[in-house]
Amino acid sequence: MTTGTRLTTVTQPMTLAEFLEYDDGTDSRHELVNGELIAMPPESRLNISIAIFLLKCFLQQGIPDAQLAIKTQIAVSGSKATAREPDLMVLSEETVLALDGAKQSFVTHDMPPPLLVIEVVSPQQENRDYRHKRTEYAGRQIPEYWIIDPTAQKITVLTWVDGLYEEQVFAGEQVVTSMQFPAFKLTAATVLSAGR
C-alpha cells in the first residue's frame, strides 16, 4: 500500500528591502505584516472621500502640500518586517527632507516619523486599526494617530504623551481637538459625513 506524501513549502518572511522591490506586475496594493505580503482590498468610496476631505482641510490651514501624503507607506514595528499604508499622513518637515530624492514614497525606520497618521476604518477591519496599528504606530512614537470610524460614527484621537497614547473619542457635534493641529475645529459629524 502506497501512501501519498504531502510536500509543504516553507516561505521565508519577506524583508522590508524585498518588499520595496516587490512588483507583481499589477496595480494591486499590498502591506507587509510580520514579513507576510498582504493584498489590500480596494478602498471604499467613503474612505477615499474622507481622506481627500481632510487633505483639503489641512491645505486650507496652511499645511504645505509636500507634507501631506496619500499612498505613502511607513515601516513600523512588528515581530517581523511590517509596512503600513495609512489613508493620510501629515509629514514633519524633517520627514519631507528625508524622503527627498527617495525612489519610493516610503518612510523607513531611519527617517523621522510623521506628525499624524490617519486611518479610516473599513468594515470588518476594526481589530487592524484599533489594536494592531495602534501598537505599531506607538512603536514609531508617532505624535498623533486618528482612527476615523464611519460605522461606529466616531473619531478616536490618540496623542503620544510620556511614552503612551492617550485617547479621546469624538462623536456627533463634538469638535475634534488635536494637539498637533490646534486650528483643526471641525465636528466629528462633519468629518464622518464628508463622503456622503
N, C-alpha and C. Protein backbone atom coordinates (compact mmCIF):
# COMPACT_ATOMS: atom_id res chain seq x y z
N MET A 1 0.85 -1.17 0.00
CA MET A 1 0.00 0.00 0.00
C MET A 1 0.89 1.23 0.00
N THR A 2 0.60 2.15 -0.91
CA THR A 2 1.39 3.36 -1.03
C THR A 2 0.64 4.51 -0.41
N THR A 3 1.32 5.25 0.41
CA THR A 3 0.69 6.44 0.99
C THR A 3 1.27 7.67 0.32
N GLY A 4 0.43 8.65 0.14
CA GLY A 4 0.87 9.90 -0.51
C GLY A 4 1.70 10.73 0.44
N THR A 5 2.61 11.44 -0.12
CA THR A 5 3.45 12.33 0.66
C THR A 5 3.05 13.76 0.35
N ARG A 6 2.81 14.49 1.38
CA ARG A 6 2.42 15.89 1.20
C ARG A 6 3.65 16.77 1.35
N LEU A 7 3.93 17.55 0.33
CA LEU A 7 5.06 18.45 0.38
C LEU A 7 4.60 19.81 0.88
N THR A 8 5.32 20.32 1.82
CA THR A 8 4.99 21.63 2.35
C THR A 8 6.10 22.60 1.98
N THR A 9 5.72 23.68 1.37
CA THR A 9 6.70 24.70 1.02
C THR A 9 6.72 25.74 2.13
N VAL A 10 7.88 25.94 2.68
CA VAL A 10 8.04 26.94 3.72
C VAL A 10 8.63 28.19 3.08
N THR A 11 7.90 29.27 3.15
CA THR A 11 8.42 30.50 2.58
C THR A 11 9.01 31.34 3.70
N GLN A 12 10.12 31.96 3.39
CA GLN A 12 10.78 32.84 4.35
C GLN A 12 10.01 34.15 4.45
N PRO A 13 9.96 34.73 5.63
CA PRO A 13 9.32 36.03 5.73
C PRO A 13 10.03 37.03 4.82
N MET A 14 9.25 37.92 4.25
CA MET A 14 9.80 38.95 3.36
C MET A 14 10.43 40.05 4.21
N THR A 15 11.54 40.56 3.75
CA THR A 15 12.19 41.68 4.44
C THR A 15 11.64 42.99 3.88
N LEU A 16 11.91 44.09 4.57
CA LEU A 16 11.49 45.40 4.07
C LEU A 16 12.16 45.70 2.73
N ALA A 17 13.43 45.32 2.59
CA ALA A 17 14.14 45.56 1.33
C ALA A 17 13.47 44.80 0.19
N GLU A 18 13.08 43.54 0.45
CA GLU A 18 12.39 42.76 -0.58
C GLU A 18 11.03 43.36 -0.89
N PHE A 19 10.34 43.84 0.13
CA PHE A 19 9.03 44.46 -0.06
C PHE A 19 9.14 45.71 -0.94
N LEU A 20 10.17 46.50 -0.71
CA LEU A 20 10.36 47.71 -1.50
C LEU A 20 10.64 47.40 -2.96
N GLU A 21 11.19 46.23 -3.24
CA GLU A 21 11.50 45.84 -4.62
C GLU A 21 10.37 45.02 -5.25
N TYR A 22 9.36 44.64 -4.46
CA TYR A 22 8.31 43.73 -4.94
C TYR A 22 7.43 44.42 -5.99
N ASP A 23 7.17 43.71 -7.06
CA ASP A 23 6.27 44.18 -8.11
C ASP A 23 5.64 42.96 -8.74
N ASP A 24 4.31 42.82 -8.58
CA ASP A 24 3.64 41.65 -9.17
C ASP A 24 3.10 41.94 -10.56
N GLY A 25 3.46 43.10 -11.10
CA GLY A 25 3.04 43.44 -12.46
C GLY A 25 1.62 43.97 -12.56
N THR A 26 0.97 44.18 -11.42
CA THR A 26 -0.40 44.70 -11.42
C THR A 26 -0.41 46.01 -10.63
N ASP A 27 -1.57 46.63 -10.55
CA ASP A 27 -1.72 47.83 -9.74
C ASP A 27 -2.19 47.50 -8.32
N SER A 28 -2.11 46.23 -7.94
CA SER A 28 -2.56 45.81 -6.61
C SER A 28 -1.73 46.50 -5.53
N ARG A 29 -2.39 46.82 -4.41
CA ARG A 29 -1.73 47.43 -3.27
C ARG A 29 -1.50 46.36 -2.21
N HIS A 30 -0.37 46.44 -1.54
CA HIS A 30 -0.03 45.46 -0.50
C HIS A 30 0.51 46.16 0.73
N GLU A 31 0.32 45.52 1.87
CA GLU A 31 1.02 45.89 3.08
C GLU A 31 1.87 44.68 3.47
N LEU A 32 2.91 44.92 4.25
CA LEU A 32 3.74 43.85 4.76
C LEU A 32 3.44 43.73 6.25
N VAL A 33 2.97 42.56 6.66
CA VAL A 33 2.58 42.36 8.06
C VAL A 33 3.37 41.18 8.61
N ASN A 34 4.29 41.49 9.51
CA ASN A 34 5.17 40.48 10.10
C ASN A 34 5.81 39.60 9.04
N GLY A 35 6.30 40.23 7.99
CA GLY A 35 7.01 39.52 6.95
C GLY A 35 6.14 38.87 5.89
N GLU A 36 4.82 38.97 6.05
CA GLU A 36 3.89 38.35 5.09
C GLU A 36 3.25 39.43 4.22
N LEU A 37 3.28 39.20 2.92
CA LEU A 37 2.70 40.12 1.96
C LEU A 37 1.18 39.97 2.00
N ILE A 38 0.47 41.06 2.30
CA ILE A 38 -0.99 41.04 2.42
C ILE A 38 -1.58 41.95 1.35
N ALA A 39 -2.43 41.39 0.49
CA ALA A 39 -3.11 42.20 -0.52
C ALA A 39 -4.15 43.07 0.18
N MET A 40 -4.17 44.34 -0.18
CA MET A 40 -5.14 45.26 0.40
C MET A 40 -6.36 45.32 -0.50
N PRO A 41 -7.55 45.21 0.07
CA PRO A 41 -8.76 45.32 -0.76
C PRO A 41 -8.89 46.74 -1.29
N PRO A 42 -9.63 46.92 -2.37
CA PRO A 42 -9.84 48.28 -2.89
C PRO A 42 -10.50 49.14 -1.80
N GLU A 43 -10.10 50.40 -1.73
CA GLU A 43 -10.68 51.32 -0.76
C GLU A 43 -12.12 51.63 -1.13
N SER A 44 -12.95 51.80 -0.10
CA SER A 44 -14.33 52.20 -0.36
C SER A 44 -14.35 53.67 -0.78
N ARG A 45 -15.36 54.05 -1.50
CA ARG A 45 -15.51 55.44 -1.94
C ARG A 45 -15.58 56.38 -0.73
N LEU A 46 -16.26 55.93 0.34
CA LEU A 46 -16.39 56.74 1.56
C LEU A 46 -15.02 57.00 2.17
N ASN A 47 -14.20 55.96 2.30
CA ASN A 47 -12.87 56.13 2.90
C ASN A 47 -12.03 57.12 2.10
N ILE A 48 -12.08 57.00 0.79
CA ILE A 48 -11.32 57.91 -0.08
C ILE A 48 -11.83 59.34 0.08
N SER A 49 -13.15 59.50 0.11
CA SER A 49 -13.74 60.84 0.25
C SER A 49 -13.34 61.50 1.56
N ILE A 50 -13.33 60.74 2.65
CA ILE A 50 -12.94 61.30 3.95
C ILE A 50 -11.48 61.72 3.92
N ALA A 51 -10.61 60.87 3.36
CA ALA A 51 -9.18 61.21 3.29
C ALA A 51 -8.95 62.46 2.45
N ILE A 52 -9.64 62.58 1.31
CA ILE A 52 -9.49 63.76 0.45
C ILE A 52 -10.03 65.01 1.15
N PHE A 53 -11.17 64.87 1.83
CA PHE A 53 -11.75 66.00 2.59
C PHE A 53 -10.75 66.51 3.62
N LEU A 54 -10.13 65.59 4.38
CA LEU A 54 -9.16 66.00 5.40
C LEU A 54 -7.91 66.62 4.77
N LEU A 55 -7.49 66.08 3.65
CA LEU A 55 -6.34 66.66 2.94
C LEU A 55 -6.64 68.11 2.59
N LYS A 56 -7.85 68.37 2.07
CA LYS A 56 -8.24 69.75 1.73
C LYS A 56 -8.26 70.64 2.98
N CYS A 57 -8.76 70.09 4.10
CA CYS A 57 -8.82 70.86 5.35
C CYS A 57 -7.42 71.27 5.79
N PHE A 58 -6.47 70.34 5.73
CA PHE A 58 -5.11 70.66 6.14
C PHE A 58 -4.47 71.68 5.20
N LEU A 59 -4.75 71.57 3.91
CA LEU A 59 -4.24 72.57 2.96
C LEU A 59 -4.79 73.95 3.29
N GLN A 60 -6.08 74.02 3.63
CA GLN A 60 -6.70 75.30 3.98
C GLN A 60 -6.10 75.89 5.25
N GLN A 61 -5.56 75.04 6.12
CA GLN A 61 -4.92 75.51 7.34
C GLN A 61 -3.47 75.92 7.12
N GLY A 62 -3.02 75.82 5.87
CA GLY A 62 -1.67 76.26 5.56
C GLY A 62 -0.60 75.20 5.64
N ILE A 63 -1.00 73.92 5.81
CA ILE A 63 -0.01 72.84 5.80
C ILE A 63 0.50 72.72 4.36
N PRO A 64 1.80 72.78 4.13
CA PRO A 64 2.32 72.68 2.76
C PRO A 64 1.96 71.33 2.13
N ASP A 65 1.63 71.35 0.84
CA ASP A 65 1.21 70.10 0.19
C ASP A 65 2.30 69.04 0.23
N ALA A 66 3.57 69.42 0.31
CA ALA A 66 4.65 68.44 0.39
C ALA A 66 4.58 67.62 1.68
N GLN A 67 3.91 68.16 2.71
CA GLN A 67 3.80 67.45 3.99
C GLN A 67 2.58 66.54 4.05
N LEU A 68 1.72 66.57 3.04
CA LEU A 68 0.52 65.74 3.04
C LEU A 68 0.76 64.53 2.15
N ALA A 69 0.52 63.36 2.69
CA ALA A 69 0.87 62.14 1.97
C ALA A 69 -0.29 61.15 1.93
N ILE A 70 -0.69 60.79 0.71
CA ILE A 70 -1.64 59.70 0.47
C ILE A 70 -0.89 58.68 -0.37
N LYS A 71 -1.14 57.40 -0.12
CA LYS A 71 -0.45 56.30 -0.80
C LYS A 71 1.05 56.30 -0.49
N THR A 72 1.38 56.74 0.71
CA THR A 72 2.76 56.66 1.20
C THR A 72 2.77 55.61 2.30
N GLN A 73 3.76 54.73 2.25
CA GLN A 73 3.84 53.67 3.25
C GLN A 73 4.87 54.02 4.32
N ILE A 74 4.73 53.36 5.46
CA ILE A 74 5.63 53.59 6.58
C ILE A 74 6.03 52.26 7.20
N ALA A 75 7.32 52.12 7.48
CA ALA A 75 7.82 50.94 8.19
C ALA A 75 7.48 51.12 9.67
N VAL A 76 6.88 50.08 10.25
CA VAL A 76 6.50 50.13 11.66
C VAL A 76 7.06 48.91 12.37
N SER A 77 6.91 48.91 13.68
CA SER A 77 7.42 47.80 14.48
C SER A 77 6.46 46.63 14.45
N GLY A 78 7.00 45.45 14.33
CA GLY A 78 6.23 44.22 14.40
C GLY A 78 7.18 43.11 14.79
N SER A 79 6.67 41.89 14.97
CA SER A 79 7.58 40.80 15.32
C SER A 79 8.54 40.51 14.17
N LYS A 80 8.09 40.79 12.95
CA LYS A 80 8.95 40.73 11.76
C LYS A 80 8.68 42.00 10.95
N ALA A 81 9.27 42.12 9.79
CA ALA A 81 9.14 43.34 8.98
C ALA A 81 7.67 43.66 8.71
N THR A 82 7.29 44.90 8.97
CA THR A 82 5.92 45.35 8.76
C THR A 82 5.93 46.75 8.15
N ALA A 83 5.07 46.93 7.13
CA ALA A 83 4.91 48.24 6.50
C ALA A 83 3.42 48.49 6.30
N ARG A 84 2.97 49.66 6.67
CA ARG A 84 1.56 50.03 6.56
C ARG A 84 1.38 51.17 5.58
N GLU A 85 0.15 51.28 5.04
CA GLU A 85 -0.20 52.38 4.15
C GLU A 85 -1.42 53.10 4.70
N PRO A 86 -1.20 54.13 5.53
CA PRO A 86 -2.33 54.86 6.09
C PRO A 86 -3.13 55.58 5.00
N ASP A 87 -4.36 55.95 5.35
CA ASP A 87 -5.19 56.69 4.40
C ASP A 87 -4.62 58.09 4.15
N LEU A 88 -4.02 58.68 5.18
CA LEU A 88 -3.44 60.02 5.05
C LEU A 88 -2.39 60.18 6.13
N MET A 89 -1.30 60.85 5.78
CA MET A 89 -0.28 61.21 6.76
C MET A 89 0.05 62.69 6.60
N VAL A 90 0.35 63.33 7.73
CA VAL A 90 0.93 64.66 7.71
C VAL A 90 2.38 64.47 8.15
N LEU A 91 3.28 64.72 7.24
CA LEU A 91 4.70 64.51 7.49
C LEU A 91 5.31 65.73 8.18
N SER A 92 6.34 65.49 8.97
CA SER A 92 7.10 66.60 9.52
C SER A 92 8.01 67.15 8.42
N GLU A 93 8.52 68.35 8.62
CA GLU A 93 9.45 68.93 7.64
C GLU A 93 10.68 68.03 7.50
N GLU A 94 11.10 67.43 8.62
CA GLU A 94 12.26 66.54 8.59
C GLU A 94 11.99 65.28 7.78
N THR A 95 10.77 64.76 7.87
CA THR A 95 10.42 63.58 7.08
C THR A 95 10.40 63.91 5.60
N VAL A 96 9.86 65.08 5.26
CA VAL A 96 9.84 65.52 3.86
C VAL A 96 11.27 65.58 3.32
N LEU A 97 12.18 66.16 4.09
CA LEU A 97 13.59 66.25 3.67
C LEU A 97 14.20 64.87 3.51
N ALA A 98 13.88 63.96 4.43
CA ALA A 98 14.43 62.60 4.36
C ALA A 98 13.92 61.85 3.13
N LEU A 99 12.68 62.15 2.71
CA LEU A 99 12.09 61.50 1.53
C LEU A 99 12.56 62.11 0.21
N ASP A 100 13.15 63.30 0.29
CA ASP A 100 13.58 63.99 -0.92
C ASP A 100 14.57 63.13 -1.71
N GLY A 101 14.22 62.85 -2.95
CA GLY A 101 15.08 62.04 -3.81
C GLY A 101 14.91 60.54 -3.63
N ALA A 102 14.04 60.12 -2.70
CA ALA A 102 13.83 58.68 -2.49
C ALA A 102 13.16 58.06 -3.72
N LYS A 103 13.49 56.81 -3.99
CA LYS A 103 12.93 56.10 -5.14
C LYS A 103 11.43 55.84 -4.96
N GLN A 104 11.02 55.64 -3.71
CA GLN A 104 9.61 55.38 -3.41
C GLN A 104 9.15 56.26 -2.27
N SER A 105 7.84 56.47 -2.21
CA SER A 105 7.27 57.23 -1.11
C SER A 105 7.06 56.28 0.06
N PHE A 106 8.15 56.06 0.81
CA PHE A 106 8.17 55.07 1.88
C PHE A 106 8.99 55.62 3.03
N VAL A 107 8.35 55.76 4.19
CA VAL A 107 9.02 56.28 5.38
C VAL A 107 9.69 55.11 6.10
N THR A 108 11.02 55.06 6.01
CA THR A 108 11.76 53.95 6.61
C THR A 108 11.99 54.17 8.10
N HIS A 109 12.51 53.14 8.77
CA HIS A 109 12.78 53.23 10.21
C HIS A 109 13.78 54.32 10.56
N ASP A 110 14.71 54.61 9.65
CA ASP A 110 15.73 55.60 9.98
C ASP A 110 15.30 57.03 9.67
N MET A 111 14.07 57.21 9.19
CA MET A 111 13.54 58.55 8.93
C MET A 111 12.69 59.00 10.13
N PRO A 112 12.59 60.33 10.34
CA PRO A 112 11.72 60.81 11.42
C PRO A 112 10.27 60.39 11.14
N PRO A 113 9.50 60.13 12.19
CA PRO A 113 8.11 59.74 11.99
C PRO A 113 7.26 60.92 11.51
N PRO A 114 6.11 60.62 10.90
CA PRO A 114 5.18 61.70 10.54
C PRO A 114 4.60 62.33 11.81
N LEU A 115 4.00 63.51 11.65
CA LEU A 115 3.34 64.17 12.77
C LEU A 115 2.00 63.52 13.09
N LEU A 116 1.34 63.02 12.05
CA LEU A 116 -0.01 62.48 12.18
C LEU A 116 -0.22 61.37 11.17
N VAL A 117 -0.84 60.31 11.63
CA VAL A 117 -1.29 59.22 10.76
C VAL A 117 -2.80 59.10 10.93
N ILE A 118 -3.51 59.01 9.81
CA ILE A 118 -4.97 58.88 9.85
C ILE A 118 -5.37 57.59 9.15
N GLU A 119 -6.19 56.79 9.83
CA GLU A 119 -6.76 55.58 9.25
C GLU A 119 -8.28 55.70 9.28
N VAL A 120 -8.91 55.42 8.14
CA VAL A 120 -10.37 55.35 8.07
C VAL A 120 -10.71 53.87 8.12
N VAL A 121 -11.48 53.48 9.14
CA VAL A 121 -11.76 52.06 9.39
C VAL A 121 -12.69 51.51 8.32
N SER A 122 -12.28 50.40 7.73
CA SER A 122 -13.14 49.67 6.79
C SER A 122 -13.94 48.63 7.56
N PRO A 123 -15.14 48.27 7.09
CA PRO A 123 -15.91 47.23 7.77
C PRO A 123 -15.11 45.94 7.92
N GLN A 124 -15.25 45.29 9.05
CA GLN A 124 -14.55 44.05 9.41
C GLN A 124 -13.04 44.23 9.56
N GLN A 125 -12.57 45.46 9.67
CA GLN A 125 -11.13 45.72 9.84
C GLN A 125 -10.84 46.45 11.16
N GLU A 126 -11.80 46.40 12.07
CA GLU A 126 -11.67 47.17 13.31
C GLU A 126 -10.43 46.76 14.11
N ASN A 127 -10.18 45.45 14.25
CA ASN A 127 -9.01 44.98 15.02
C ASN A 127 -7.72 45.54 14.45
N ARG A 128 -7.63 45.55 13.14
CA ARG A 128 -6.42 46.03 12.48
C ARG A 128 -6.14 47.49 12.86
N ASP A 129 -7.16 48.34 12.79
CA ASP A 129 -6.95 49.77 13.03
C ASP A 129 -6.90 50.13 14.52
N TYR A 130 -7.77 49.52 15.34
CA TYR A 130 -7.83 49.88 16.75
C TYR A 130 -6.74 49.21 17.58
N ARG A 131 -6.32 48.00 17.22
CA ARG A 131 -5.36 47.28 18.05
C ARG A 131 -3.97 47.19 17.42
N HIS A 132 -3.90 46.52 16.25
CA HIS A 132 -2.58 46.25 15.67
C HIS A 132 -1.86 47.53 15.29
N LYS A 133 -2.52 48.39 14.53
CA LYS A 133 -1.86 49.61 14.08
C LYS A 133 -1.56 50.56 15.24
N ARG A 134 -2.43 50.56 16.23
CA ARG A 134 -2.17 51.41 17.40
C ARG A 134 -0.82 51.04 18.02
N THR A 135 -0.58 49.75 18.19
CA THR A 135 0.68 49.27 18.75
C THR A 135 1.85 49.60 17.83
N GLU A 136 1.64 49.39 16.53
CA GLU A 136 2.71 49.63 15.56
C GLU A 136 3.08 51.10 15.47
N TYR A 137 2.08 51.98 15.44
CA TYR A 137 2.36 53.41 15.37
C TYR A 137 2.96 53.93 16.68
N ALA A 138 2.55 53.32 17.79
CA ALA A 138 3.17 53.68 19.08
C ALA A 138 4.65 53.32 19.06
N GLY A 139 4.99 52.20 18.43
CA GLY A 139 6.39 51.79 18.32
C GLY A 139 7.23 52.80 17.56
N ARG A 140 6.61 53.55 16.66
CA ARG A 140 7.31 54.62 15.92
C ARG A 140 7.22 55.96 16.63
N GLN A 141 6.51 56.01 17.75
CA GLN A 141 6.30 57.23 18.53
C GLN A 141 5.73 58.35 17.67
N ILE A 142 4.73 57.99 16.86
CA ILE A 142 4.05 58.99 16.03
C ILE A 142 3.21 59.87 16.96
N PRO A 143 3.40 61.19 16.90
CA PRO A 143 2.74 62.08 17.87
C PRO A 143 1.22 61.97 17.92
N GLU A 144 0.56 61.75 16.76
CA GLU A 144 -0.89 61.60 16.76
C GLU A 144 -1.32 60.55 15.76
N TYR A 145 -2.33 59.79 16.17
CA TYR A 145 -2.94 58.77 15.32
C TYR A 145 -4.45 58.93 15.44
N TRP A 146 -5.11 59.22 14.29
CA TRP A 146 -6.56 59.36 14.28
C TRP A 146 -7.18 58.11 13.67
N ILE A 147 -8.19 57.58 14.35
CA ILE A 147 -8.96 56.45 13.82
C ILE A 147 -10.36 56.98 13.52
N ILE A 148 -10.69 57.05 12.26
CA ILE A 148 -11.99 57.57 11.83
C ILE A 148 -12.87 56.39 11.48
N ASP A 149 -13.95 56.22 12.21
CA ASP A 149 -14.78 55.01 12.10
C ASP A 149 -16.19 55.38 11.63
N PRO A 150 -16.44 55.31 10.31
CA PRO A 150 -17.77 55.66 9.79
C PRO A 150 -18.87 54.73 10.28
N THR A 151 -18.56 53.47 10.54
CA THR A 151 -19.58 52.52 11.01
C THR A 151 -20.02 52.86 12.43
N ALA A 152 -19.04 53.07 13.32
CA ALA A 152 -19.34 53.40 14.72
C ALA A 152 -19.65 54.89 14.90
N GLN A 153 -19.47 55.69 13.83
CA GLN A 153 -19.75 57.12 13.86
C GLN A 153 -18.97 57.83 14.97
N LYS A 154 -17.65 57.57 14.99
CA LYS A 154 -16.80 58.23 15.99
C LYS A 154 -15.40 58.41 15.43
N ILE A 155 -14.68 59.34 16.03
CA ILE A 155 -13.28 59.59 15.69
C ILE A 155 -12.48 59.48 16.98
N THR A 156 -11.48 58.62 16.97
CA THR A 156 -10.61 58.44 18.13
C THR A 156 -9.29 59.13 17.82
N VAL A 157 -8.91 60.06 18.68
CA VAL A 157 -7.63 60.76 18.53
C VAL A 157 -6.69 60.25 19.62
N LEU A 158 -5.59 59.65 19.18
CA LEU A 158 -4.59 59.14 20.10
C LEU A 158 -3.40 60.09 20.07
N THR A 159 -3.02 60.61 21.23
CA THR A 159 -1.93 61.57 21.34
C THR A 159 -0.81 60.94 22.16
N TRP A 160 0.42 61.01 21.64
CA TRP A 160 1.59 60.42 22.29
C TRP A 160 2.01 61.30 23.47
N VAL A 161 1.87 60.76 24.69
CA VAL A 161 2.22 61.50 25.91
C VAL A 161 3.01 60.58 26.82
N ASP A 162 4.24 60.98 27.14
CA ASP A 162 5.08 60.23 28.08
C ASP A 162 5.16 58.74 27.78
N GLY A 163 5.35 58.42 26.51
CA GLY A 163 5.58 57.02 26.13
C GLY A 163 4.35 56.18 25.90
N LEU A 164 3.16 56.79 25.94
CA LEU A 164 1.91 56.06 25.71
C LEU A 164 0.94 56.94 24.93
N TYR A 165 -0.02 56.29 24.27
CA TYR A 165 -1.08 57.04 23.61
C TYR A 165 -2.20 57.33 24.61
N GLU A 166 -2.58 58.60 24.70
CA GLU A 166 -3.77 58.99 25.46
C GLU A 166 -4.89 59.14 24.45
N GLU A 167 -6.07 58.66 24.80
CA GLU A 167 -7.18 58.55 23.85
C GLU A 167 -8.31 59.51 24.18
N GLN A 168 -8.81 60.17 23.12
CA GLN A 168 -10.04 60.97 23.22
C GLN A 168 -10.94 60.52 22.09
N VAL A 169 -12.24 60.38 22.39
CA VAL A 169 -13.21 59.95 21.39
C VAL A 169 -14.20 61.08 21.15
N PHE A 170 -14.45 61.35 19.86
CA PHE A 170 -15.36 62.43 19.47
C PHE A 170 -16.47 61.86 18.60
N ALA A 171 -17.69 62.34 18.82
CA ALA A 171 -18.85 61.90 18.04
C ALA A 171 -19.82 63.06 17.87
N GLY A 172 -20.71 62.92 16.91
CA GLY A 172 -21.75 63.91 16.70
C GLY A 172 -21.21 65.31 16.50
N GLU A 173 -21.74 66.26 17.28
CA GLU A 173 -21.36 67.66 17.13
C GLU A 173 -20.15 68.06 17.98
N GLN A 174 -19.48 67.07 18.58
CA GLN A 174 -18.26 67.38 19.33
C GLN A 174 -17.17 67.82 18.35
N VAL A 175 -16.44 68.87 18.72
CA VAL A 175 -15.34 69.37 17.88
C VAL A 175 -14.10 68.52 18.13
N VAL A 176 -13.54 68.01 17.06
CA VAL A 176 -12.33 67.19 17.15
C VAL A 176 -11.17 68.11 17.51
N THR A 177 -10.45 67.79 18.60
CA THR A 177 -9.31 68.60 19.00
C THR A 177 -8.02 67.83 18.79
N SER A 178 -7.00 68.57 18.40
CA SER A 178 -5.70 67.98 18.08
C SER A 178 -4.60 68.81 18.71
N MET A 179 -3.68 68.14 19.41
CA MET A 179 -2.52 68.83 19.98
C MET A 179 -1.58 69.29 18.86
N GLN A 180 -1.45 68.48 17.82
CA GLN A 180 -0.54 68.81 16.71
C GLN A 180 -1.10 69.91 15.83
N PHE A 181 -2.44 69.95 15.69
CA PHE A 181 -3.08 70.89 14.78
C PHE A 181 -4.23 71.60 15.50
N PRO A 182 -3.89 72.54 16.39
CA PRO A 182 -4.93 73.20 17.19
C PRO A 182 -5.93 74.00 16.37
N ALA A 183 -5.59 74.36 15.14
CA ALA A 183 -6.52 75.12 14.30
C ALA A 183 -7.62 74.23 13.73
N PHE A 184 -7.47 72.91 13.84
CA PHE A 184 -8.49 71.99 13.33
C PHE A 184 -9.71 72.07 14.24
N LYS A 185 -10.83 72.56 13.71
CA LYS A 185 -12.01 72.82 14.55
C LYS A 185 -13.28 72.23 13.95
N LEU A 186 -13.20 71.13 13.25
CA LEU A 186 -14.40 70.52 12.65
C LEU A 186 -15.05 69.55 13.63
N THR A 187 -16.35 69.39 13.49
CA THR A 187 -17.04 68.42 14.33
C THR A 187 -16.82 67.01 13.76
N ALA A 188 -16.99 66.03 14.61
CA ALA A 188 -16.88 64.64 14.17
C ALA A 188 -17.89 64.36 13.07
N ALA A 189 -19.12 64.88 13.21
CA ALA A 189 -20.17 64.64 12.22
C ALA A 189 -19.77 65.20 10.87
N THR A 190 -19.12 66.36 10.84
CA THR A 190 -18.69 66.97 9.58
C THR A 190 -17.68 66.08 8.87
N VAL A 191 -16.71 65.59 9.62
CA VAL A 191 -15.69 64.71 9.03
C VAL A 191 -16.32 63.40 8.55
N LEU A 192 -17.14 62.79 9.39
CA LEU A 192 -17.72 61.49 9.08
C LEU A 192 -18.70 61.54 7.91
N SER A 193 -19.29 62.71 7.66
CA SER A 193 -20.24 62.82 6.57
C SER A 193 -19.58 63.35 5.29
N ALA A 194 -18.27 63.48 5.29
CA ALA A 194 -17.55 64.06 4.15
C ALA A 194 -17.77 63.29 2.86
N GLY A 195 -17.99 62.00 2.96
CA GLY A 195 -18.16 61.19 1.75
C GLY A 195 -19.60 61.03 1.32
N ARG A 196 -20.51 61.69 2.00
CA ARG A 196 -21.93 61.49 1.69
C ARG A 196 -22.53 62.71 1.03
